[in-house]
C-alpha cells in the first residue's frame, strides 16, 4: 500500500501570520522563490521574517495575469 500525500489547498484567514515555509507550501513554490518575490513581509528582531496571509493575497490579486 502506498502512502498518499494530502494535496488539498490550504485556506488561511487573512489575519494569519505565516512563515516562509508555510507561504511556499501554500503557493506551491520553493522557499527560495518566496524569498525572491517582493511579497509584503513583517521583519521581526534578528533575521525572522513572517508574512500576513491577507497581504500576500492582496499582492497576488493585484498582479496582472500571465
N, C-alpha and C. Protein backbone atom coordinates (compact mmCIF):
# COMPACT_ATOMS: atom_id res chain seq x y z
N UNK A 1 0.84 -1.18 0.00
CA UNK A 1 0.00 0.00 0.00
C UNK A 1 0.89 1.24 0.00
N UNK A 2 0.65 2.16 -0.91
CA UNK A 2 1.47 3.36 -0.99
C UNK A 2 0.91 4.46 -0.09
N UNK A 3 1.80 5.29 0.40
CA UNK A 3 1.41 6.41 1.26
C UNK A 3 0.96 7.57 0.39
N UNK A 4 -0.20 8.13 0.68
CA UNK A 4 -0.71 9.25 -0.10
C UNK A 4 -0.37 10.56 0.60
N UNK A 5 -0.10 11.56 -0.18
CA UNK A 5 0.19 12.89 0.34
C UNK A 5 -1.06 13.74 0.22
N UNK A 6 -1.37 14.47 1.28
CA UNK A 6 -2.53 15.35 1.27
C UNK A 6 -2.18 16.60 0.48
N UNK A 7 -2.84 16.81 -0.66
CA UNK A 7 -2.51 17.96 -1.51
C UNK A 7 -3.68 18.93 -1.63
N UNK A 8 -4.61 18.87 -0.66
CA UNK A 8 -5.72 19.82 -0.68
C UNK A 8 -5.18 21.23 -0.49
N UNK A 9 -5.79 22.21 -1.15
CA UNK A 9 -5.34 23.59 -0.97
C UNK A 9 -5.56 24.05 0.47
N UNK A 10 -4.67 24.86 0.95
CA UNK A 10 -4.77 25.40 2.29
C UNK A 10 -5.46 26.76 2.19
N UNK A 11 -6.40 27.01 3.07
CA UNK A 11 -7.07 28.31 3.12
C UNK A 11 -6.74 28.95 4.47
N UNK A 12 -6.09 30.09 4.44
CA UNK A 12 -5.74 30.79 5.66
C UNK A 12 -6.62 32.02 5.83
N UNK A 13 -7.10 32.27 7.05
CA UNK A 13 -7.79 33.54 7.30
C UNK A 13 -6.82 34.69 7.05
N UNK A 14 -7.30 35.86 6.61
CA UNK A 14 -6.42 36.97 6.27
C UNK A 14 -5.50 37.42 7.40
N UNK A 15 -5.92 37.24 8.63
CA UNK A 15 -5.11 37.70 9.76
C UNK A 15 -4.01 36.72 10.18
N UNK A 16 -3.93 35.59 9.51
CA UNK A 16 -2.93 34.58 9.84
C UNK A 16 -1.53 35.07 9.49
N UNK A 17 -0.59 34.84 10.41
CA UNK A 17 0.82 35.17 10.20
C UNK A 17 1.53 33.87 9.84
N UNK A 18 2.26 33.90 8.71
CA UNK A 18 2.87 32.69 8.16
C UNK A 18 4.39 32.79 8.10
N UNK A 19 5.03 31.63 8.17
CA UNK A 19 6.47 31.55 7.95
C UNK A 19 6.74 31.45 6.46
N UNK A 20 8.00 31.58 6.09
CA UNK A 20 8.39 31.42 4.69
C UNK A 20 8.02 30.03 4.19
N UNK A 21 8.24 29.03 5.00
CA UNK A 21 7.91 27.65 4.62
C UNK A 21 6.42 27.48 4.38
N UNK A 22 5.58 28.07 5.23
CA UNK A 22 4.14 27.96 5.06
C UNK A 22 3.67 28.65 3.78
N UNK A 23 4.23 29.82 3.49
CA UNK A 23 3.86 30.54 2.25
C UNK A 23 4.27 29.72 1.04
N UNK A 24 5.46 29.13 1.09
CA UNK A 24 5.94 28.32 -0.03
C UNK A 24 5.01 27.13 -0.28
N UNK A 25 4.62 26.43 0.78
CA UNK A 25 3.70 25.31 0.63
C UNK A 25 2.35 25.77 0.12
N UNK A 26 1.87 26.88 0.66
CA UNK A 26 0.56 27.44 0.28
C UNK A 26 0.52 27.78 -1.21
N UNK A 27 1.59 28.43 -1.70
CA UNK A 27 1.64 28.87 -3.09
C UNK A 27 2.26 27.83 -4.03
N UNK A 28 2.70 26.72 -3.45
CA UNK A 28 3.30 25.61 -4.20
C UNK A 28 4.53 26.07 -4.99
N UNK A 29 5.40 26.80 -4.30
CA UNK A 29 6.68 27.23 -4.85
C UNK A 29 7.75 26.94 -3.81
N UNK A 30 8.99 27.14 -4.18
CA UNK A 30 10.07 26.90 -3.23
C UNK A 30 10.21 28.07 -2.25
N UNK A 31 10.85 27.81 -1.13
CA UNK A 31 11.13 28.87 -0.16
C UNK A 31 12.02 29.94 -0.81
N UNK A 32 12.90 29.50 -1.66
CA UNK A 32 13.79 30.44 -2.36
C UNK A 32 12.98 31.42 -3.22
N UNK A 33 11.95 30.91 -3.88
CA UNK A 33 11.08 31.76 -4.69
C UNK A 33 10.35 32.77 -3.82
N UNK A 34 9.82 32.31 -2.69
CA UNK A 34 9.13 33.22 -1.76
C UNK A 34 10.06 34.34 -1.34
N UNK A 35 11.31 33.99 -1.02
CA UNK A 35 12.28 34.99 -0.57
C UNK A 35 12.63 35.97 -1.70
N UNK A 36 12.58 35.51 -2.94
CA UNK A 36 12.95 36.36 -4.08
C UNK A 36 11.81 37.29 -4.50
N UNK A 37 10.57 36.87 -4.29
CA UNK A 37 9.43 37.69 -4.68
C UNK A 37 9.32 38.90 -3.76
N UNK A 38 8.84 40.02 -4.27
CA UNK A 38 8.68 41.21 -3.43
C UNK A 38 7.37 41.19 -2.64
N UNK A 39 7.09 40.07 -1.98
CA UNK A 39 5.87 39.97 -1.18
C UNK A 39 5.99 40.86 0.06
N UNK A 40 4.87 41.44 0.51
CA UNK A 40 4.90 42.22 1.75
C UNK A 40 5.29 41.29 2.90
N UNK A 41 6.20 41.73 3.72
CA UNK A 41 6.67 40.87 4.81
C UNK A 41 6.81 41.65 6.10
N UNK A 42 6.77 40.93 7.18
CA UNK A 42 6.97 41.51 8.50
C UNK A 42 8.37 41.12 8.96
N UNK A 43 9.22 42.10 9.18
CA UNK A 43 10.57 41.82 9.63
C UNK A 43 10.61 41.96 11.15
N UNK A 44 10.91 40.88 11.81
CA UNK A 44 10.97 40.84 13.26
C UNK A 44 12.42 40.88 13.72
N UNK A 45 12.67 41.06 15.02
CA UNK A 45 14.05 41.10 15.51
C UNK A 45 14.86 39.89 15.03
N UNK A 46 16.13 40.12 14.82
CA UNK A 46 17.01 39.09 14.28
C UNK A 46 16.75 38.95 12.79
N UNK A 47 16.77 37.75 12.31
CA UNK A 47 16.52 37.54 10.87
C UNK A 47 15.16 36.91 10.63
N UNK A 48 14.27 37.02 11.60
CA UNK A 48 12.94 36.42 11.50
C UNK A 48 12.05 37.22 10.55
N UNK A 49 11.43 36.52 9.61
CA UNK A 49 10.52 37.13 8.64
C UNK A 49 9.21 36.36 8.68
N UNK A 50 8.12 37.09 8.67
CA UNK A 50 6.79 36.48 8.63
C UNK A 50 5.96 37.21 7.58
N UNK A 51 4.88 36.56 7.16
CA UNK A 51 4.01 37.09 6.12
C UNK A 51 2.58 37.09 6.63
N UNK A 52 1.83 38.13 6.31
CA UNK A 52 0.41 38.18 6.60
C UNK A 52 -0.32 37.55 5.41
N UNK A 53 -1.15 36.56 5.70
CA UNK A 53 -1.87 35.88 4.61
C UNK A 53 -2.70 36.87 3.80
N UNK A 54 -3.34 37.81 4.46
CA UNK A 54 -4.15 38.80 3.76
C UNK A 54 -3.33 39.69 2.84
N UNK A 55 -2.16 40.09 3.31
CA UNK A 55 -1.30 40.94 2.48
C UNK A 55 -0.74 40.17 1.29
N UNK A 56 -0.42 38.90 1.50
CA UNK A 56 0.09 38.08 0.40
C UNK A 56 -1.00 37.93 -0.67
N UNK A 57 -2.22 37.63 -0.24
CA UNK A 57 -3.33 37.51 -1.20
C UNK A 57 -3.57 38.80 -1.94
N UNK A 58 -3.58 39.92 -1.23
CA UNK A 58 -3.80 41.22 -1.87
C UNK A 58 -2.72 41.50 -2.90
N UNK A 59 -1.49 41.19 -2.57
CA UNK A 59 -0.38 41.39 -3.50
C UNK A 59 -0.58 40.54 -4.76
N UNK A 60 -0.89 39.28 -4.56
CA UNK A 60 -1.06 38.37 -5.70
C UNK A 60 -2.26 38.74 -6.55
N UNK A 61 -3.33 39.18 -5.95
CA UNK A 61 -4.52 39.55 -6.70
C UNK A 61 -4.30 40.85 -7.49
N UNK A 62 -3.35 41.66 -7.05
CA UNK A 62 -3.07 42.91 -7.73
C UNK A 62 -2.13 42.78 -8.92
N UNK A 63 -1.54 41.60 -9.05
CA UNK A 63 -0.61 41.37 -10.15
C UNK A 63 -1.37 40.98 -11.41
N UNK A 64 -0.94 41.46 -12.56
CA UNK A 64 -1.60 41.06 -13.81
C UNK A 64 -1.39 39.57 -14.09
N UNK A 65 -2.37 38.94 -14.68
CA UNK A 65 -2.28 37.52 -15.02
C UNK A 65 -1.27 37.33 -16.15
N UNK A 66 -0.52 36.24 -16.08
CA UNK A 66 0.49 35.96 -17.10
C UNK A 66 -0.15 35.36 -18.34
